[in-house]
N, C-alpha and C. Protein backbone atom coordinates (compact mmCIF):
# COMPACT_ATOMS: atom_id res chain seq x y z
N UNK A 1 -4.67 4.30 7.13
CA UNK A 1 -4.71 5.40 6.21
C UNK A 1 -6.14 5.84 5.95
N UNK A 2 -7.07 4.88 5.96
CA UNK A 2 -8.46 5.22 5.67
C UNK A 2 -9.25 4.01 5.25
N UNK A 3 -10.25 4.24 4.42
CA UNK A 3 -11.10 3.16 3.94
C UNK A 3 -11.24 3.24 2.44
N UNK A 4 -11.43 2.09 1.81
CA UNK A 4 -11.69 2.00 0.39
C UNK A 4 -12.90 1.09 0.25
N UNK A 5 -14.03 1.67 -0.08
CA UNK A 5 -15.26 0.89 -0.08
C UNK A 5 -15.56 0.47 1.34
N UNK A 6 -15.73 -0.84 1.55
CA UNK A 6 -16.01 -1.34 2.90
C UNK A 6 -14.76 -1.92 3.55
N UNK A 7 -13.59 -1.62 2.98
CA UNK A 7 -12.34 -2.19 3.48
C UNK A 7 -11.47 -1.13 4.14
N UNK A 8 -10.73 -1.55 5.15
CA UNK A 8 -9.78 -0.68 5.83
C UNK A 8 -8.44 -0.76 5.11
N UNK A 9 -7.79 0.39 4.91
CA UNK A 9 -6.49 0.43 4.24
C UNK A 9 -5.44 0.91 5.24
N UNK A 10 -4.33 0.16 5.32
CA UNK A 10 -3.23 0.48 6.23
C UNK A 10 -1.99 0.88 5.43
N UNK A 11 -1.17 1.69 6.04
CA UNK A 11 0.12 2.04 5.47
C UNK A 11 1.15 1.12 6.11
N UNK A 12 1.85 0.35 5.29
CA UNK A 12 2.84 -0.61 5.81
C UNK A 12 4.24 -0.17 5.40
N UNK A 13 5.14 -0.19 6.35
CA UNK A 13 6.54 0.15 6.08
C UNK A 13 7.36 -1.14 6.27
N UNK A 14 7.91 -1.65 5.17
CA UNK A 14 8.67 -2.89 5.22
C UNK A 14 10.13 -2.64 5.57
N UNK A 15 10.67 -1.52 5.12
CA UNK A 15 11.97 -1.03 5.54
C UNK A 15 12.00 0.47 5.23
N UNK A 16 13.15 1.12 5.39
CA UNK A 16 13.17 2.57 5.20
C UNK A 16 12.96 2.99 3.75
N UNK A 17 13.03 2.05 2.82
CA UNK A 17 12.89 2.39 1.40
C UNK A 17 11.60 1.88 0.77
N UNK A 18 10.90 0.98 1.44
CA UNK A 18 9.73 0.37 0.81
C UNK A 18 8.49 0.48 1.69
N UNK A 19 7.47 1.15 1.14
CA UNK A 19 6.17 1.27 1.79
C UNK A 19 5.11 0.72 0.84
N UNK A 20 4.01 0.30 1.41
CA UNK A 20 2.90 -0.21 0.61
C UNK A 20 1.59 0.13 1.30
N UNK A 21 0.53 0.10 0.54
CA UNK A 21 -0.81 0.22 1.10
C UNK A 21 -1.37 -1.19 1.20
N UNK A 22 -1.87 -1.55 2.37
CA UNK A 22 -2.40 -2.90 2.60
C UNK A 22 -3.88 -2.77 2.92
N UNK A 23 -4.69 -3.41 2.10
CA UNK A 23 -6.14 -3.35 2.27
C UNK A 23 -6.62 -4.67 2.88
N UNK A 24 -7.31 -4.58 4.01
CA UNK A 24 -7.87 -5.77 4.65
C UNK A 24 -9.26 -5.98 4.08
N UNK A 25 -9.47 -7.14 3.48
CA UNK A 25 -10.74 -7.46 2.84
C UNK A 25 -11.72 -8.05 3.84
N UNK A 26 -13.00 -7.88 3.57
CA UNK A 26 -14.03 -8.51 4.39
C UNK A 26 -13.95 -10.02 4.21
N UNK A 27 -14.11 -10.75 5.29
CA UNK A 27 -14.01 -12.21 5.21
C UNK A 27 -15.16 -12.84 4.43
N UNK A 28 -16.27 -12.12 4.28
CA UNK A 28 -17.42 -12.66 3.55
C UNK A 28 -17.47 -12.19 2.10
N UNK A 29 -16.40 -11.58 1.60
CA UNK A 29 -16.39 -11.06 0.23
C UNK A 29 -15.35 -11.78 -0.61
N UNK A 30 -15.35 -13.11 -0.55
CA UNK A 30 -14.35 -13.90 -1.28
C UNK A 30 -14.39 -13.65 -2.78
N UNK A 31 -15.57 -13.57 -3.35
CA UNK A 31 -15.69 -13.39 -4.80
C UNK A 31 -15.13 -12.03 -5.22
N UNK A 32 -15.44 -11.00 -4.45
CA UNK A 32 -14.92 -9.66 -4.74
C UNK A 32 -13.39 -9.64 -4.63
N UNK A 33 -12.85 -10.31 -3.62
CA UNK A 33 -11.41 -10.40 -3.43
C UNK A 33 -10.76 -11.09 -4.62
N UNK A 34 -11.31 -12.23 -5.03
CA UNK A 34 -10.77 -12.98 -6.17
C UNK A 34 -10.82 -12.16 -7.45
N UNK A 35 -11.92 -11.44 -7.68
CA UNK A 35 -12.04 -10.60 -8.87
C UNK A 35 -11.00 -9.49 -8.87
N UNK A 36 -10.80 -8.86 -7.73
CA UNK A 36 -9.82 -7.77 -7.64
C UNK A 36 -8.41 -8.29 -7.91
N UNK A 37 -8.05 -9.42 -7.34
CA UNK A 37 -6.74 -10.01 -7.57
C UNK A 37 -6.59 -10.38 -9.05
N UNK A 38 -7.59 -11.00 -9.61
CA UNK A 38 -7.54 -11.44 -11.01
C UNK A 38 -7.38 -10.26 -11.97
N UNK A 39 -8.21 -9.24 -11.79
CA UNK A 39 -8.17 -8.10 -12.70
C UNK A 39 -6.91 -7.25 -12.53
N UNK A 40 -6.58 -6.90 -11.31
CA UNK A 40 -5.44 -6.01 -11.10
C UNK A 40 -4.10 -6.68 -11.37
N UNK A 41 -4.03 -7.99 -11.29
CA UNK A 41 -2.76 -8.66 -11.60
C UNK A 41 -2.48 -8.67 -13.09
N UNK A 42 -3.50 -8.43 -13.91
CA UNK A 42 -3.35 -8.41 -15.37
C UNK A 42 -3.11 -7.01 -15.93
N UNK A 43 -3.51 -5.97 -15.20
CA UNK A 43 -3.46 -4.61 -15.71
C UNK A 43 -2.17 -3.92 -15.32
N UNK A 44 -1.52 -3.30 -16.29
CA UNK A 44 -0.34 -2.48 -16.04
C UNK A 44 -0.56 -1.15 -16.77
N UNK A 45 -0.87 -0.12 -16.02
CA UNK A 45 -1.13 1.20 -16.59
C UNK A 45 -0.72 2.25 -15.59
N UNK A 46 -0.18 3.37 -16.08
CA UNK A 46 0.32 4.41 -15.19
C UNK A 46 -0.76 5.04 -14.31
N UNK A 47 -2.02 4.97 -14.71
CA UNK A 47 -3.09 5.59 -13.94
C UNK A 47 -3.88 4.60 -13.08
N UNK A 48 -3.44 3.36 -13.06
CA UNK A 48 -4.09 2.35 -12.23
C UNK A 48 -3.05 1.80 -11.26
N UNK A 49 -3.41 1.82 -10.00
CA UNK A 49 -2.48 1.38 -8.96
C UNK A 49 -2.09 -0.08 -9.17
N UNK A 50 -0.83 -0.38 -8.85
CA UNK A 50 -0.32 -1.74 -9.05
C UNK A 50 -0.60 -2.61 -7.82
N UNK A 51 -1.09 -3.80 -8.09
CA UNK A 51 -1.25 -4.81 -7.05
C UNK A 51 0.08 -5.53 -6.92
N UNK A 52 0.72 -5.42 -5.77
CA UNK A 52 2.02 -6.05 -5.56
C UNK A 52 1.91 -7.48 -5.08
N UNK A 53 0.80 -7.79 -4.40
CA UNK A 53 0.61 -9.14 -3.91
C UNK A 53 -0.62 -9.23 -3.03
N UNK A 54 -0.86 -10.41 -2.52
CA UNK A 54 -1.99 -10.63 -1.64
C UNK A 54 -1.65 -11.75 -0.65
N UNK A 55 -2.44 -11.85 0.40
CA UNK A 55 -2.23 -12.88 1.42
C UNK A 55 -3.58 -13.43 1.85
N UNK A 56 -3.67 -14.73 1.90
CA UNK A 56 -4.85 -15.41 2.44
C UNK A 56 -4.35 -16.28 3.59
N UNK A 57 -4.83 -15.98 4.78
CA UNK A 57 -4.43 -16.74 5.97
C UNK A 57 -5.69 -17.03 6.77
N UNK A 58 -6.16 -18.26 6.69
CA UNK A 58 -7.42 -18.61 7.36
C UNK A 58 -8.55 -17.80 6.78
N UNK A 59 -9.23 -17.05 7.63
CA UNK A 59 -10.34 -16.19 7.19
C UNK A 59 -9.88 -14.79 6.78
N UNK A 60 -8.61 -14.47 7.02
CA UNK A 60 -8.10 -13.13 6.72
C UNK A 60 -7.65 -13.03 5.28
N UNK A 61 -7.96 -11.87 4.66
CA UNK A 61 -7.60 -11.58 3.28
C UNK A 61 -6.98 -10.19 3.23
N UNK A 62 -5.80 -10.07 2.61
CA UNK A 62 -5.12 -8.79 2.48
C UNK A 62 -4.65 -8.60 1.05
N UNK A 63 -4.77 -7.37 0.56
CA UNK A 63 -4.25 -6.98 -0.75
C UNK A 63 -3.15 -5.96 -0.51
N UNK A 64 -2.02 -6.12 -1.21
CA UNK A 64 -0.87 -5.22 -1.03
C UNK A 64 -0.68 -4.43 -2.32
N UNK A 65 -0.81 -3.11 -2.21
CA UNK A 65 -0.70 -2.21 -3.35
C UNK A 65 0.52 -1.32 -3.22
N UNK A 66 0.96 -0.77 -4.37
CA UNK A 66 2.00 0.24 -4.30
C UNK A 66 1.46 1.42 -3.49
N UNK A 67 2.36 2.08 -2.78
CA UNK A 67 1.96 3.23 -1.97
C UNK A 67 2.08 4.49 -2.80
N UNK A 68 1.04 5.29 -2.81
CA UNK A 68 1.04 6.53 -3.58
C UNK A 68 1.19 7.70 -2.61
N UNK A 69 2.32 8.39 -2.70
CA UNK A 69 2.61 9.52 -1.80
C UNK A 69 1.53 10.60 -1.87
N UNK A 70 1.03 10.87 -3.08
CA UNK A 70 0.06 11.95 -3.23
C UNK A 70 -1.38 11.48 -3.05
N UNK A 71 -1.57 10.24 -2.64
CA UNK A 71 -2.91 9.71 -2.44
C UNK A 71 -3.49 9.09 -3.70
N UNK A 72 -4.66 8.55 -3.59
CA UNK A 72 -5.30 7.87 -4.71
C UNK A 72 -5.97 8.88 -5.64
N UNK A 73 -6.42 8.40 -6.79
CA UNK A 73 -7.17 9.25 -7.71
C UNK A 73 -8.44 9.75 -7.03
N UNK A 74 -9.07 8.90 -6.24
CA UNK A 74 -10.27 9.31 -5.50
C UNK A 74 -9.95 10.47 -4.55
N UNK A 75 -8.81 10.37 -3.87
CA UNK A 75 -8.40 11.45 -2.98
C UNK A 75 -8.15 12.73 -3.77
N UNK A 76 -7.51 12.60 -4.93
CA UNK A 76 -7.24 13.77 -5.76
C UNK A 76 -8.52 14.43 -6.24
N UNK A 77 -9.53 13.61 -6.56
CA UNK A 77 -10.79 14.15 -7.08
C UNK A 77 -11.72 14.66 -5.99
N UNK A 78 -11.75 13.99 -4.85
CA UNK A 78 -12.75 14.31 -3.82
C UNK A 78 -12.17 14.78 -2.50
N UNK A 79 -10.84 14.88 -2.41
CA UNK A 79 -10.20 15.30 -1.17
C UNK A 79 -10.26 16.81 -0.99
N UNK A 80 -9.43 17.34 -0.12
CA UNK A 80 -9.45 18.77 0.22
C UNK A 80 -9.26 19.69 -0.99
N UNK A 81 -8.46 19.24 -1.99
CA UNK A 81 -8.22 20.10 -3.15
C UNK A 81 -9.34 20.01 -4.18
N UNK A 82 -10.22 19.03 -3.99
CA UNK A 82 -11.38 18.82 -4.89
C UNK A 82 -10.96 18.74 -6.35
N UNK A 83 -9.78 18.15 -6.61
CA UNK A 83 -9.32 17.94 -7.98
C UNK A 83 -8.78 19.17 -8.67
N UNK A 84 -8.48 20.21 -7.91
CA UNK A 84 -8.02 21.45 -8.53
C UNK A 84 -6.70 21.28 -9.29
N UNK A 85 -5.90 20.27 -8.94
CA UNK A 85 -4.63 20.05 -9.64
C UNK A 85 -4.80 19.24 -10.93
N UNK A 86 -6.00 18.71 -11.16
CA UNK A 86 -6.26 17.92 -12.37
C UNK A 86 -7.04 18.76 -13.37
N UNK A 87 -6.40 19.07 -14.49
CA UNK A 87 -7.10 19.82 -15.53
C UNK A 87 -8.11 18.90 -16.21
N UNK A 88 -9.01 19.49 -16.98
CA UNK A 88 -9.99 18.67 -17.70
C UNK A 88 -9.30 17.80 -18.73
N UNK A 89 -8.21 18.28 -19.32
CA UNK A 89 -7.46 17.47 -20.28
C UNK A 89 -6.90 16.23 -19.59
N UNK A 90 -6.30 16.41 -18.42
CA UNK A 90 -5.75 15.26 -17.68
C UNK A 90 -6.85 14.30 -17.28
N UNK A 91 -7.98 14.82 -16.80
CA UNK A 91 -9.12 13.96 -16.44
C UNK A 91 -9.61 13.15 -17.63
N UNK A 92 -9.73 13.81 -18.78
CA UNK A 92 -10.19 13.12 -19.99
C UNK A 92 -9.20 12.05 -20.41
N UNK A 93 -7.91 12.37 -20.36
CA UNK A 93 -6.88 11.40 -20.73
C UNK A 93 -6.91 10.18 -19.81
N UNK A 94 -7.08 10.39 -18.51
CA UNK A 94 -7.18 9.28 -17.55
C UNK A 94 -8.40 8.42 -17.88
N UNK A 95 -9.54 9.06 -18.12
CA UNK A 95 -10.78 8.31 -18.41
C UNK A 95 -10.63 7.48 -19.68
N UNK A 96 -10.05 8.06 -20.72
CA UNK A 96 -9.87 7.32 -21.98
C UNK A 96 -8.89 6.17 -21.80
N UNK A 97 -7.77 6.43 -21.12
CA UNK A 97 -6.77 5.36 -20.89
C UNK A 97 -7.35 4.22 -20.08
N UNK A 98 -8.11 4.53 -19.04
CA UNK A 98 -8.72 3.48 -18.21
C UNK A 98 -9.75 2.70 -19.02
N UNK A 99 -10.52 3.38 -19.86
CA UNK A 99 -11.52 2.71 -20.68
C UNK A 99 -10.89 1.73 -21.66
N UNK A 100 -9.69 2.07 -22.16
CA UNK A 100 -9.00 1.16 -23.07
C UNK A 100 -8.64 -0.13 -22.36
């Protein structure tokens, strides 16, 4: 699907009804991986993507997120539409909710 930071993100189809975004972590970024798992497993908010699970197999690290049909917030803000679908009120509400 693309990249998120220094990580590659894949679109995974588990069956015809369930898709997920799978991010392959750098093998030398164990602390960053652990922090992401720790923080995202505790947060439940409509504007923050859900971490569904993770996998550690040898040196490989994967994070499994819910799949967002319309793309990420970053895509909405910086993609082809340049955030035109997000009003300033919606942007402010997202920023305040995330800050909480």
